[in-house]
Amino acid sequence: MKAAAEQAGVSFSTLVRQRIELGLSEMEDDQTVSLAAIRRAIAHAAVGRAA
C-alpha cells in the first residue's frame, strides 16, 4: 500500500481513506468521485475552452 500511495502521489493515510470510501460506496448505490478526478476534468474543460 505504501508503494501504491507513492506511485499515486498521495500519503499513505489518504490512499487508505480513499480505498475505504470506495469500498463503502460500493456497498451503497452511491458513487464516489475523487477530487483529483474532478480537478483533472475541470482543467481539461478549461484547456478546451481556451483554444
N, C-alpha and C. Protein backbone atom coordinates (compact mmCIF):
# COMPACT_ATOMS: atom_id res chain seq x y z
N MET A 1 0.82 -1.18 0.00
CA MET A 1 0.00 0.00 0.00
C MET A 1 0.87 1.25 0.00
N LYS A 2 1.99 1.21 0.71
CA LYS A 2 2.87 2.38 0.73
C LYS A 2 3.40 2.68 -0.67
N ALA A 3 3.78 1.64 -1.39
CA ALA A 3 4.29 1.84 -2.76
C ALA A 3 3.18 2.40 -3.66
N ALA A 4 1.97 1.91 -3.49
CA ALA A 4 0.84 2.41 -4.29
C ALA A 4 0.57 3.88 -3.98
N ALA A 5 0.69 4.25 -2.72
CA ALA A 5 0.48 5.65 -2.32
C ALA A 5 1.56 6.54 -2.95
N GLU A 6 2.79 6.08 -2.90
CA GLU A 6 3.88 6.85 -3.50
C GLU A 6 3.67 6.99 -5.00
N GLN A 7 3.27 5.92 -5.65
CA GLN A 7 3.05 5.95 -7.09
C GLN A 7 1.90 6.90 -7.45
N ALA A 8 0.87 6.95 -6.60
CA ALA A 8 -0.27 7.84 -6.83
C ALA A 8 0.01 9.27 -6.42
N GLY A 9 1.12 9.48 -5.71
CA GLY A 9 1.47 10.83 -5.28
C GLY A 9 0.64 11.33 -4.11
N VAL A 10 0.18 10.40 -3.27
CA VAL A 10 -0.61 10.77 -2.10
C VAL A 10 0.00 10.12 -0.87
N SER A 11 -0.40 10.60 0.28
CA SER A 11 0.10 10.00 1.52
C SER A 11 -0.56 8.64 1.72
N PHE A 12 0.08 7.82 2.55
CA PHE A 12 -0.45 6.50 2.86
C PHE A 12 -1.86 6.61 3.45
N SER A 13 -2.04 7.55 4.39
CA SER A 13 -3.36 7.68 5.03
C SER A 13 -4.42 8.14 4.04
N THR A 14 -4.05 8.98 3.08
CA THR A 14 -5.01 9.41 2.06
C THR A 14 -5.43 8.24 1.20
N LEU A 15 -4.47 7.41 0.81
CA LEU A 15 -4.79 6.24 -0.01
C LEU A 15 -5.70 5.28 0.75
N VAL A 16 -5.42 5.05 2.01
CA VAL A 16 -6.26 4.16 2.82
C VAL A 16 -7.67 4.73 2.91
N ARG A 17 -7.78 6.03 3.17
CA ARG A 17 -9.11 6.67 3.25
C ARG A 17 -9.86 6.53 1.93
N GLN A 18 -9.16 6.75 0.81
CA GLN A 18 -9.80 6.63 -0.49
C GLN A 18 -10.29 5.21 -0.74
N ARG A 19 -9.49 4.23 -0.36
CA ARG A 19 -9.89 2.83 -0.56
C ARG A 19 -11.10 2.48 0.31
N ILE A 20 -11.11 2.98 1.54
CA ILE A 20 -12.25 2.73 2.42
C ILE A 20 -13.51 3.37 1.86
N GLU A 21 -13.39 4.63 1.42
CA GLU A 21 -14.54 5.32 0.83
C GLU A 21 -15.05 4.58 -0.40
N LEU A 22 -14.14 4.09 -1.22
CA LEU A 22 -14.53 3.35 -2.40
C LEU A 22 -15.28 2.08 -2.01
N GLY A 23 -14.75 1.37 -1.02
CA GLY A 23 -15.42 0.16 -0.56
C GLY A 23 -16.79 0.43 0.00
N LEU A 24 -16.92 1.51 0.78
CA LEU A 24 -18.22 1.86 1.34
C LEU A 24 -19.20 2.27 0.24
N SER A 25 -18.72 2.99 -0.76
CA SER A 25 -19.62 3.42 -1.83
C SER A 25 -20.10 2.24 -2.65
N GLU A 26 -19.29 1.19 -2.75
CA GLU A 26 -19.72 0.01 -3.49
C GLU A 26 -20.78 -0.76 -2.73
N MET A 27 -20.84 -0.57 -1.43
CA MET A 27 -21.87 -1.23 -0.62
C MET A 27 -23.20 -0.50 -0.75
N GLU A 28 -23.15 0.74 -1.18
CA GLU A 28 -24.35 1.55 -1.34
C GLU A 28 -24.59 1.76 -2.84
N ASP A 29 -25.60 2.51 -3.16
CA ASP A 29 -25.85 2.85 -4.56
C ASP A 29 -25.15 4.15 -4.96
N ASP A 30 -24.36 4.72 -4.05
CA ASP A 30 -23.64 5.96 -4.33
C ASP A 30 -22.37 5.67 -5.11
N GLN A 31 -21.89 6.69 -5.80
CA GLN A 31 -20.61 6.58 -6.48
C GLN A 31 -19.73 7.72 -6.00
N THR A 32 -18.49 7.40 -5.67
CA THR A 32 -17.54 8.38 -5.20
C THR A 32 -16.65 8.80 -6.36
N VAL A 33 -16.46 10.10 -6.49
CA VAL A 33 -15.55 10.64 -7.48
C VAL A 33 -14.47 11.37 -6.71
N SER A 34 -13.22 11.06 -7.00
CA SER A 34 -12.13 11.70 -6.27
C SER A 34 -12.02 13.17 -6.67
N LEU A 35 -11.55 13.97 -5.74
CA LEU A 35 -11.34 15.38 -6.00
C LEU A 35 -10.32 15.56 -7.12
N ALA A 36 -9.31 14.73 -7.16
CA ALA A 36 -8.30 14.82 -8.22
C ALA A 36 -8.93 14.59 -9.59
N ALA A 37 -9.85 13.65 -9.70
CA ALA A 37 -10.52 13.39 -10.98
C ALA A 37 -11.36 14.58 -11.40
N ILE A 38 -12.02 15.21 -10.45
CA ILE A 38 -12.82 16.39 -10.76
C ILE A 38 -11.92 17.53 -11.22
N ARG A 39 -10.80 17.72 -10.53
CA ARG A 39 -9.86 18.79 -10.92
C ARG A 39 -9.31 18.54 -12.33
N ARG A 40 -8.99 17.29 -12.65
CA ARG A 40 -8.49 16.98 -14.00
C ARG A 40 -9.55 17.29 -15.04
N ALA A 41 -10.79 16.93 -14.76
CA ALA A 41 -11.88 17.19 -15.71
C ALA A 41 -12.07 18.69 -15.92
N ILE A 42 -12.01 19.46 -14.84
CA ILE A 42 -12.15 20.90 -14.95
C ILE A 42 -10.99 21.50 -15.74
N ALA A 43 -9.78 21.05 -15.45
CA ALA A 43 -8.61 21.55 -16.17
C ALA A 43 -8.70 21.20 -17.65
N HIS A 44 -9.15 20.00 -17.96
CA HIS A 44 -9.29 19.58 -19.34
C HIS A 44 -10.33 20.43 -20.06
N ALA A 45 -11.44 20.70 -19.38
CA ALA A 45 -12.50 21.53 -19.98
C ALA A 45 -12.00 22.96 -20.18
N ALA A 46 -11.22 23.47 -19.24
CA ALA A 46 -10.70 24.84 -19.35
C ALA A 46 -9.73 24.96 -20.53
N VAL A 47 -8.92 23.94 -20.75
CA VAL A 47 -7.97 23.95 -21.88
C VAL A 47 -8.75 23.93 -23.19
N GLY A 48 -9.80 23.13 -23.25
CA GLY A 48 -10.62 23.04 -24.45
C GLY A 48 -11.32 24.36 -24.78
N ARG A 49 -11.71 25.10 -23.78
CA ARG A 49 -12.40 26.38 -23.99
C ARG A 49 -11.43 27.47 -24.37
N ALA A 50 -10.17 27.35 -23.93
CA ALA A 50 -9.17 28.38 -24.20
C ALA A 50 -8.71 28.33 -25.66
N ALA A 51 -8.87 27.20 -26.30
CA ALA A 51 -8.39 27.03 -27.69
C ALA A 51 -9.31 27.67 -28.70
